[in-house]
Amino acid sequence: QVQLVESGGGLVQPGGSLRLSCVVSGFIFRRYPMSWYRQAPGKERELVAVITSGDSRTQYPDSMKGRFTISRDNAKRTVYLQMNSLKPEDTAVYYCYALVAGYDYWGQGTQVTVSS
């Protein structure tokens, strides 16, 4: 059974940082790319970052470049999202995602709220 479990969200002041984690089970983690998405209230879910398997190359939409860093630890079956210089508009539920054998798998999400 595939499971993706996120953690690390919370309330942070503007300019602050958070590191999200997603622990994976049920498939051979090191073989698959992993992604982070987010969904803000009233908005569509959007891609935040992607990390490939193997060489762990990273990709970000232009709007996400510079403040977000995705990484992975294959030994721990974990993908991370380091978020710096957070802004109120970064407030959203952040989801971990994997496409495994043609199926979409999502975590339950972790809430990030950026507010003073």
C-alpha atoms as a PDB file:
ATOM      1  CA  GLN A   1       0.000   0.000   0.000  1.00  0.00           C
ATOM      2  CA  VAL A   2       1.432   3.321  -1.107  1.00  0.00           C
ATOM      3  CA  GLN A   3       1.474   6.026   1.535  1.00  0.00           C
ATOM      4  CA  LEU A   4       2.816   9.566   1.500  1.00  0.00           C
ATOM      5  CA  VAL A   5       2.807  11.348   4.841  1.00  0.00           C
ATOM      6  CA  GLU A   6       3.677  15.034   5.051  1.00  0.00           C
ATOM      7  CA  SER A   7       4.722  16.962   8.123  1.00  0.00           C
ATOM      8  CA  GLY A   8       6.382  20.225   9.077  1.00  0.00           C
ATOM      9  CA  GLY A   9       3.674  22.739   8.321  1.00  0.00           C
ATOM     10  CA  GLY A  10       2.530  25.400  10.728  1.00  0.00           C
ATOM     11  CA  LEU A  11       2.196  29.099  11.386  1.00  0.00           C
ATOM     12  CA  VAL A  12       5.171  31.261  10.485  1.00  0.00           C
ATOM     13  CA  GLN A  13       5.719  35.001  10.274  1.00  0.00           C
ATOM     14  CA  PRO A  14       6.461  36.677   6.947  1.00  0.00           C
ATOM     15  CA  GLY A  15      10.142  36.290   6.134  1.00  0.00           C
ATOM     16  CA  GLY A  16      10.397  33.079   8.099  1.00  0.00           C
ATOM     17  CA  SER A  17      11.320  29.575   7.013  1.00  0.00           C
ATOM     18  CA  LEU A  18       9.856  26.094   7.200  1.00  0.00           C
ATOM     19  CA  ARG A  19      11.007  22.679   6.086  1.00  0.00           C
ATOM     20  CA  LEU A  20       8.368  20.216   5.025  1.00  0.00           C
ATOM     21  CA  SER A  21       8.959  16.478   4.977  1.00  0.00           C
ATOM     22  CA  CYS A  22       7.179  13.664   3.162  1.00  0.00           C
ATOM     23  CA  VAL A  23       7.868  10.092   4.220  1.00  0.00           C
ATOM     24  CA  VAL A  24       6.985   7.488   1.640  1.00  0.00           C
ATOM     25  CA  SER A  25       6.178   3.778   1.836  1.00  0.00           C
ATOM     26  CA  GLY A  26       4.806   1.101  -0.455  1.00  0.00           C
ATOM     27  CA  PHE A  27       7.037   1.565  -3.497  1.00  0.00           C
ATOM     28  CA  ILE A  28      10.736   1.702  -4.364  1.00  0.00           C
ATOM     29  CA  PHE A  29      11.234   5.354  -3.519  1.00  0.00           C
ATOM     30  CA  ARG A  30      14.614   5.847  -5.156  1.00  0.00           C
ATOM     31  CA  ARG A  31      13.251   4.898  -8.583  1.00  0.00           C
ATOM     32  CA  TYR A  32      10.643   7.625  -8.840  1.00  0.00           C
ATOM     33  CA  PRO A  33      10.564  11.394  -9.219  1.00  0.00           C
ATOM     34  CA  MET A  34       8.800  13.220  -6.431  1.00  0.00           C
ATOM     35  CA  SER A  35       6.944  16.513  -6.405  1.00  0.00           C
ATOM     36  CA  TRP A  36       5.475  19.095  -4.096  1.00  0.00           C
ATOM     37  CA  TYR A  37       2.250  20.912  -4.912  1.00  0.00           C
ATOM     38  CA  ARG A  38       0.234  23.466  -3.021  1.00  0.00           C
ATOM     39  CA  GLN A  39      -3.341  24.644  -2.979  1.00  0.00           C
ATOM     40  CA  ALA A  40      -4.418  27.953  -1.553  1.00  0.00           C
ATOM     41  CA  PRO A  41      -8.020  28.663  -0.551  1.00  0.00           C
ATOM     42  CA  GLY A  42     -10.175  29.232  -3.618  1.00  0.00           C
ATOM     43  CA  LYS A  43      -7.332  28.453  -6.020  1.00  0.00           C
ATOM     44  CA  GLU A  44      -6.274  25.500  -8.115  1.00  0.00           C
ATOM     45  CA  ARG A  45      -3.542  23.167  -6.992  1.00  0.00           C
ATOM     46  CA  GLU A  46      -0.182  24.282  -8.411  1.00  0.00           C
ATOM     47  CA  LEU A  47       3.222  22.694  -8.843  1.00  0.00           C
ATOM     48  CA  VAL A  48       5.927  23.894  -6.464  1.00  0.00           C
ATOM     49  CA  ALA A  49       8.922  21.670  -7.216  1.00  0.00           C
ATOM     50  CA  VAL A  50      10.041  18.390  -8.757  1.00  0.00           C
ATOM     51  CA  ILE A  51      13.046  16.197  -8.028  1.00  0.00           C
ATOM     52  CA  THR A  52      14.070  13.374 -10.321  1.00  0.00           C
ATOM     53  CA  SER A  53      15.166   9.911  -9.320  1.00  0.00           C
ATOM     54  CA  GLY A  54      18.767   8.872  -9.860  1.00  0.00           C
ATOM     55  CA  ASP A  55      20.642  12.151 -10.196  1.00  0.00           C
ATOM     56  CA  SER A  56      18.129  14.177  -8.124  1.00  0.00           C
ATOM     57  CA  ARG A  57      17.861  17.014 -10.595  1.00  0.00           C
ATOM     58  CA  THR A  58      15.428  19.686  -9.451  1.00  0.00           C
ATOM     59  CA  GLN A  59      12.885  21.699 -11.397  1.00  0.00           C
ATOM     60  CA  TYR A  60      10.788  24.670 -10.341  1.00  0.00           C
ATOM     61  CA  PRO A  61       8.172  26.772 -12.051  1.00  0.00           C
ATOM     62  CA  ASP A  62       9.486  30.286 -12.634  1.00  0.00           C
ATOM     63  CA  SER A  63       7.200  31.639  -9.915  1.00  0.00           C
ATOM     64  CA  MET A  64       8.780  29.317  -7.333  1.00  0.00           C
ATOM     65  CA  LYS A  65      12.453  29.759  -8.159  1.00  0.00           C
ATOM     66  CA  GLY A  66      14.726  31.269  -5.566  1.00  0.00           C
ATOM     67  CA  ARG A  67      12.899  30.660  -2.275  1.00  0.00           C
ATOM     68  CA  PHE A  68      12.033  26.955  -2.406  1.00  0.00           C
ATOM     69  CA  THR A  69      14.409  24.019  -2.457  1.00  0.00           C
ATOM     70  CA  ILE A  70      13.379  20.404  -2.940  1.00  0.00           C
ATOM     71  CA  SER A  71      15.658  17.559  -1.892  1.00  0.00           C
ATOM     72  CA  ARG A  72      15.455  13.868  -1.138  1.00  0.00           C
ATOM     73  CA  ASP A  73      17.065  11.272   1.083  1.00  0.00           C
ATOM     74  CA  ASN A  74      16.603   7.865  -0.491  1.00  0.00           C
ATOM     75  CA  ALA A  75      17.866   6.042   2.589  1.00  0.00           C
ATOM     76  CA  LYS A  76      15.117   7.680   4.655  1.00  0.00           C
ATOM     77  CA  ARG A  77      12.506   7.446   1.890  1.00  0.00           C
ATOM     78  CA  THR A  78      11.860  11.123   2.428  1.00  0.00           C
ATOM     79  CA  VAL A  79      11.471  14.166   0.231  1.00  0.00           C
ATOM     80  CA  TYR A  80      11.863  17.650   1.674  1.00  0.00           C
ATOM     81  CA  LEU A  81      10.789  21.153   0.770  1.00  0.00           C
ATOM     82  CA  GLN A  82      12.818  23.970   2.301  1.00  0.00           C
ATOM     83  CA  MET A  83      10.897  27.237   2.134  1.00  0.00           C
ATOM     84  CA  ASN A  84      12.615  30.531   2.897  1.00  0.00           C
ATOM     85  CA  SER A  85      11.537  34.174   2.927  1.00  0.00           C
ATOM     86  CA  LEU A  86       7.947  33.108   3.222  1.00  0.00           C
ATOM     87  CA  LYS A  87       5.192  35.488   2.193  1.00  0.00           C
ATOM     88  CA  PRO A  88       1.503  35.597   3.106  1.00  0.00           C
ATOM     89  CA  GLU A  89       0.695  34.439  -0.429  1.00  0.00           C
ATOM     90  CA  ASP A  90       2.554  31.205   0.286  1.00  0.00           C
ATOM     91  CA  THR A  91      -0.264  30.256   2.644  1.00  0.00           C
ATOM     92  CA  ALA A  92      -1.672  26.978   1.364  1.00  0.00           C
ATOM     93  CA  VAL A  93      -1.961  23.274   1.963  1.00  0.00           C
ATOM     94  CA  TYR A  94       1.202  21.623   0.674  1.00  0.00           C
ATOM     95  CA  TYR A  95       1.011  18.147  -0.823  1.00  0.00           C
ATOM     96  CA  CYS A  96       3.555  15.519  -1.661  1.00  0.00           C
ATOM     97  CA  TYR A  97       2.947  13.671  -4.961  1.00  0.00           C
ATOM     98  CA  ALA A  98       4.220  10.621  -6.797  1.00  0.00           C
ATOM     99  CA  LEU A  99       3.227   8.957 -10.054  1.00  0.00           C
ATOM    100  CA  VAL A 100       3.817   5.243  -9.571  1.00  0.00           C
ATOM    101  CA  ALA A 101       2.982   2.618 -12.207  1.00  0.00           C
ATOM    102  CA  GLY A 102       0.509   4.965 -13.836  1.00  0.00           C
ATOM    103  CA  TYR A 103      -1.300   5.885 -10.646  1.00  0.00           C
ATOM    104  CA  ASP A 104      -1.376   9.254  -8.897  1.00  0.00           C
ATOM    105  CA  TYR A 105      -0.565   9.222  -5.209  1.00  0.00           C
ATOM    106  CA  TRP A 106      -1.019  12.204  -2.905  1.00  0.00           C
ATOM    107  CA  GLY A 107      -0.318  12.772   0.727  1.00  0.00           C
ATOM    108  CA  GLN A 108      -2.943  14.171   3.052  1.00  0.00           C
ATOM    109  CA  GLY A 109      -1.356  17.618   2.953  1.00  0.00           C
ATOM    110  CA  THR A 110       0.184  19.887   5.558  1.00  0.00           C
ATOM    111  CA  GLN A 111      -1.074  23.404   6.228  1.00  0.00           C
ATOM    112  CA  VAL A 112       1.343  26.308   5.946  1.00  0.00           C
ATOM    113  CA  THR A 113       0.098  29.666   7.168  1.00  0.00           C
ATOM    114  CA  VAL A 114       2.224  32.779   6.769  1.00  0.00           C
ATOM    115  CA  SER A 115       0.901  35.589   8.911  1.00  0.00           C
ATOM    116  CA  SER A 116       2.008  38.154  11.444  1.00  0.00           C
END
